[in-house]
C-alpha atoms as a PDB file:
ATOM      1  CA  MET A   1      19.157  21.339  36.350  1.00  0.00           C
ATOM      2  CA  SER A   2      19.215  23.288  33.118  1.00  0.00           C
ATOM      3  CA  VAL A   3      16.158  24.074  31.134  1.00  0.00           C
ATOM      4  CA  PHE A   4      16.195  24.909  27.482  1.00  0.00           C
ATOM      5  CA  ARG A   5      13.321  26.933  26.174  1.00  0.00           C
ATOM      6  CA  LEU A   6      12.731  28.023  22.655  1.00  0.00           C
ATOM      7  CA  ASN A   7      10.024  30.434  21.735  1.00  0.00           C
ATOM      8  CA  ALA A   8       9.620  30.546  18.016  1.00  0.00           C
ATOM      9  CA  GLU A   9       6.934  31.382  15.576  1.00  0.00           C
ATOM     10  CA  VAL A  10       6.901  29.219  12.499  1.00  0.00           C
ATOM     11  CA  GLU A  11       5.026  30.131   9.378  1.00  0.00           C
ATOM     12  CA  ILE A  12       4.212  27.226   7.122  1.00  0.00           C
ATOM     13  CA  ASN A  13       3.279  27.747   3.519  1.00  0.00           C
ATOM     14  CA  ALA A  14       0.813  24.869   3.209  1.00  0.00           C
ATOM     15  CA  GLU A  15       0.453  25.262  -0.541  1.00  0.00           C
ATOM     16  CA  ARG A  16       4.208  24.940  -1.051  1.00  0.00           C
ATOM     17  CA  LEU A  17       4.335  21.966   1.326  1.00  0.00           C
ATOM     18  CA  ILE A  18       1.595  20.174  -0.620  1.00  0.00           C
ATOM     19  CA  GLU A  19       3.378  20.905  -3.913  1.00  0.00           C
ATOM     20  CA  GLY A  20       6.554  19.437  -2.418  1.00  0.00           C
ATOM     21  CA  LEU A  21       4.734  16.289  -1.344  1.00  0.00           C
ATOM     22  CA  ASP A  22       3.085  15.979  -4.750  1.00  0.00           C
ATOM     23  CA  SER A  23       6.511  16.069  -6.362  1.00  0.00           C
ATOM     24  CA  LEU A  24       7.564  13.084  -4.231  1.00  0.00           C
ATOM     25  CA  VAL A  25       4.590  10.945  -5.177  1.00  0.00           C
ATOM     26  CA  ASP A  26       5.204  10.339  -8.860  1.00  0.00           C
ATOM     27  CA  ASP A  27       4.038   7.331 -10.874  1.00  0.00           C
ATOM     28  CA  ASP A  28       7.046   5.284  -9.770  1.00  0.00           C
ATOM     29  CA  VAL A  29       6.235   5.836  -6.088  1.00  0.00           C
ATOM     30  CA  LYS A  30       2.552   5.103  -6.661  1.00  0.00           C
ATOM     31  CA  THR A  31       3.477   1.863  -8.429  1.00  0.00           C
ATOM     32  CA  ARG A  32       5.798   0.859  -5.587  1.00  0.00           C
ATOM     33  CA  ILE A  33       3.074   1.535  -3.011  1.00  0.00           C
ATOM     34  CA  HIS A  34       0.537  -0.454  -5.021  1.00  0.00           C
ATOM     35  CA  ALA A  35       3.028  -3.330  -5.351  1.00  0.00           C
ATOM     36  CA  LEU A  36       3.512  -3.247  -1.589  1.00  0.00           C
ATOM     37  CA  TYR A  37      -0.264  -3.297  -1.170  1.00  0.00           C
ATOM     38  CA  ALA A  38      -0.611  -6.343  -3.444  1.00  0.00           C
ATOM     39  CA  GLU A  39       2.165  -8.102  -1.528  1.00  0.00           C
ATOM     40  CA  THR A  40       0.562  -7.216   1.810  1.00  0.00           C
ATOM     41  CA  VAL A  41      -2.894  -8.550   0.949  1.00  0.00           C
ATOM     42  CA  ASP A  42      -1.646 -11.615  -0.926  1.00  0.00           C
ATOM     43  CA  PRO A  43      -1.890 -14.107   1.995  1.00  0.00           C
ATOM     44  CA  TRP A  44      -5.632 -13.315   2.204  1.00  0.00           C
ATOM     45  CA  THR A  45      -6.172 -13.723  -1.549  1.00  0.00           C
ATOM     46  CA  PRO A  46      -7.914 -16.971  -2.504  1.00  0.00           C
ATOM     47  CA  PHE A  47      -5.506 -19.419  -4.151  1.00  0.00           C
ATOM     48  CA  LEU A  48      -6.231 -22.651  -5.982  1.00  0.00           C
ATOM     49  CA  THR A  49      -4.266 -22.664  -9.239  1.00  0.00           C
ATOM     50  CA  GLY A  50      -2.417 -19.426  -8.554  1.00  0.00           C
ATOM     51  CA  ALA A  51      -4.011 -17.464 -11.395  1.00  0.00           C
ATOM     52  CA  LEU A  52      -5.772 -14.959  -9.126  1.00  0.00           C
ATOM     53  CA  HIS A  53      -2.533 -14.515  -7.224  1.00  0.00           C
ATOM     54  CA  SER A  54      -0.238 -14.137 -10.225  1.00  0.00           C
ATOM     55  CA  ASP A  55      -2.355 -12.580 -12.979  1.00  0.00           C
ATOM     56  CA  ILE A  56      -2.450  -9.064 -11.624  1.00  0.00           C
ATOM     57  CA  THR A  57      -1.500  -5.700 -13.009  1.00  0.00           C
ATOM     58  CA  VAL A  58       0.249  -3.300 -10.667  1.00  0.00           C
ATOM     59  CA  ASN A  59       0.813   0.259 -11.824  1.00  0.00           C
ATOM     60  CA  ALA A  60       0.388   3.868 -10.727  1.00  0.00           C
ATOM     61  CA  GLU A  61      -3.394   3.529 -11.066  1.00  0.00           C
ATOM     62  CA  GLY A  62      -3.702   0.622  -8.642  1.00  0.00           C
ATOM     63  CA  VAL A  63      -3.881  -3.158  -8.495  1.00  0.00           C
ATOM     64  CA  THR A  64      -6.076  -5.060 -10.952  1.00  0.00           C
ATOM     65  CA  TYR A  65      -6.833  -8.757 -10.687  1.00  0.00           C
ATOM     66  CA  ASN A  66      -7.147  -9.845 -14.319  1.00  0.00           C
ATOM     67  CA  VAL A  67      -8.811 -13.259 -14.097  1.00  0.00           C
ATOM     68  CA  PRO A  68     -12.491 -13.278 -15.108  1.00  0.00           C
ATOM     69  CA  TYR A  69     -13.617 -14.698 -11.773  1.00  0.00           C
ATOM     70  CA  ALA A  70     -11.792 -12.133  -9.573  1.00  0.00           C
ATOM     71  CA  ALA A  71     -14.977 -10.236  -8.683  1.00  0.00           C
ATOM     72  CA  GLU A  72     -16.778 -13.486  -7.910  1.00  0.00           C
ATOM     73  CA  LYS A  73     -14.057 -14.448  -5.444  1.00  0.00           C
ATOM     74  CA  TYR A  74     -13.854 -10.956  -4.001  1.00  0.00           C
ATOM     75  CA  TYR A  75     -17.564 -10.811  -3.251  1.00  0.00           C
ATOM     76  CA  GLY A  76     -17.554 -14.218  -1.658  1.00  0.00           C
ATOM     77  CA  THR A  77     -17.948 -17.685  -3.023  1.00  0.00           C
ATOM     78  CA  VAL A  78     -16.469 -20.939  -1.872  1.00  0.00           C
ATOM     79  CA  PHE A  79     -12.699 -21.064  -2.236  1.00  0.00           C
ATOM     80  CA  HIS A  80      -9.849 -23.287  -1.146  1.00  0.00           C
ATOM     81  CA  LYS A  81      -7.484 -22.436   1.706  1.00  0.00           C
ATOM     82  CA  GLU A  82      -4.770 -25.039   1.245  1.00  0.00           C
ATOM     83  CA  GLU A  83      -2.198 -22.619  -0.173  1.00  0.00           C
ATOM     84  CA  HIS A  84      -3.467 -19.496   1.591  1.00  0.00           C
ATOM     85  CA  PRO A  85      -5.063 -20.452   4.929  1.00  0.00           C
ATOM     86  CA  LEU A  86      -6.105 -16.832   5.514  1.00  0.00           C
ATOM     87  CA  ALA A  87      -7.968 -16.622   2.178  1.00  0.00           C
ATOM     88  CA  THR A  88     -11.279 -14.807   2.348  1.00  0.00           C
ATOM     89  CA  ASP A  89     -13.614 -12.608   0.374  1.00  0.00           C
ATOM     90  CA  HIS A  90     -12.881  -8.871   0.534  1.00  0.00           C
ATOM     91  CA  TRP A  91      -9.270  -9.915   1.152  1.00  0.00           C
ATOM     92  CA  ASP A  92      -7.882  -6.386   1.004  1.00  0.00           C
ATOM     93  CA  LYS A  93     -10.136  -5.081   3.765  1.00  0.00           C
ATOM     94  CA  VAL A  94      -9.503  -8.079   6.015  1.00  0.00           C
ATOM     95  CA  ALA A  95      -5.741  -7.910   5.436  1.00  0.00           C
ATOM     96  CA  MET A  96      -5.587  -4.222   6.244  1.00  0.00           C
ATOM     97  CA  GLU A  97      -7.406  -4.786   9.533  1.00  0.00           C
ATOM     98  CA  THR A  98      -4.295  -6.571  10.784  1.00  0.00           C
ATOM     99  CA  GLU A  99      -1.541  -5.218   8.526  1.00  0.00           C
ATOM    100  CA  MET A 100      -2.313  -1.489   8.287  1.00  0.00           C
ATOM    101  CA  GLU A 101       0.327  -0.385  10.784  1.00  0.00           C
ATOM    102  CA  ALA A 102       3.097  -2.357   9.073  1.00  0.00           C
ATOM    103  CA  PHE A 103       1.870  -1.213   5.649  1.00  0.00           C
ATOM    104  CA  VAL A 104       1.959   2.443   6.700  1.00  0.00           C
ATOM    105  CA  GLU A 105       5.497   2.046   8.057  1.00  0.00           C
ATOM    106  CA  LYS A 106       6.651   0.566   4.749  1.00  0.00           C
ATOM    107  CA  VAL A 107       4.954   3.378   2.823  1.00  0.00           C
ATOM    108  CA  LYS A 108       6.832   5.848   5.021  1.00  0.00           C
ATOM    109  CA  GLU A 109      10.067   4.074   4.085  1.00  0.00           C
ATOM    110  CA  ILE A 110       9.237   4.382   0.382  1.00  0.00           C
ATOM    111  CA  LEU A 111       8.470   8.103   0.766  1.00  0.00           C
ATOM    112  CA  THR A 112      11.597   8.701   2.846  1.00  0.00           C
ATOM    113  CA  MET A 113      13.792   7.026   0.227  1.00  0.00           C
ATOM    114  CA  ARG A 114      12.095   9.082  -2.505  1.00  0.00           C
ATOM    115  CA  ALA A 115      12.621  12.302  -0.545  1.00  0.00           C
ATOM    116  CA  LYS A 116      16.311  11.493  -0.104  1.00  0.00           C
ATOM    117  CA  GLN A 117      16.639  10.808  -3.831  1.00  0.00           C
ATOM    118  CA  ALA A 118      14.877  14.046  -4.707  1.00  0.00           C
ATOM    119  CA  HIS A 119      16.459  16.337  -2.148  1.00  0.00           C
ATOM    120  CA  GLY A 120      19.674  14.623  -1.133  1.00  0.00           C
END
């Protein structure tokens, strides 16, 4: 049986590494991650007419639900579950309890694609 051993000392310039990561996460990447987030939590978002579901703004800053009653729904009032059986208050937190692993994997895919674009 052969054994391969490698003794190496690696010096990592953490500041340069962080700068490199920062260059990957531009506004486009942030927007894509926020869009993925909105898509991920959507099945838990209350849905009656579709306004809460469709009247959102997704950009590099985050996800904003634009309807006037969004906060009321988020903090818990009665809502219908015909269209979204998983609908609940605090839908993002509940969704991430079950979807975090898949969400993280998809974020990794976005970052990997961005790294390939940036560095070949």
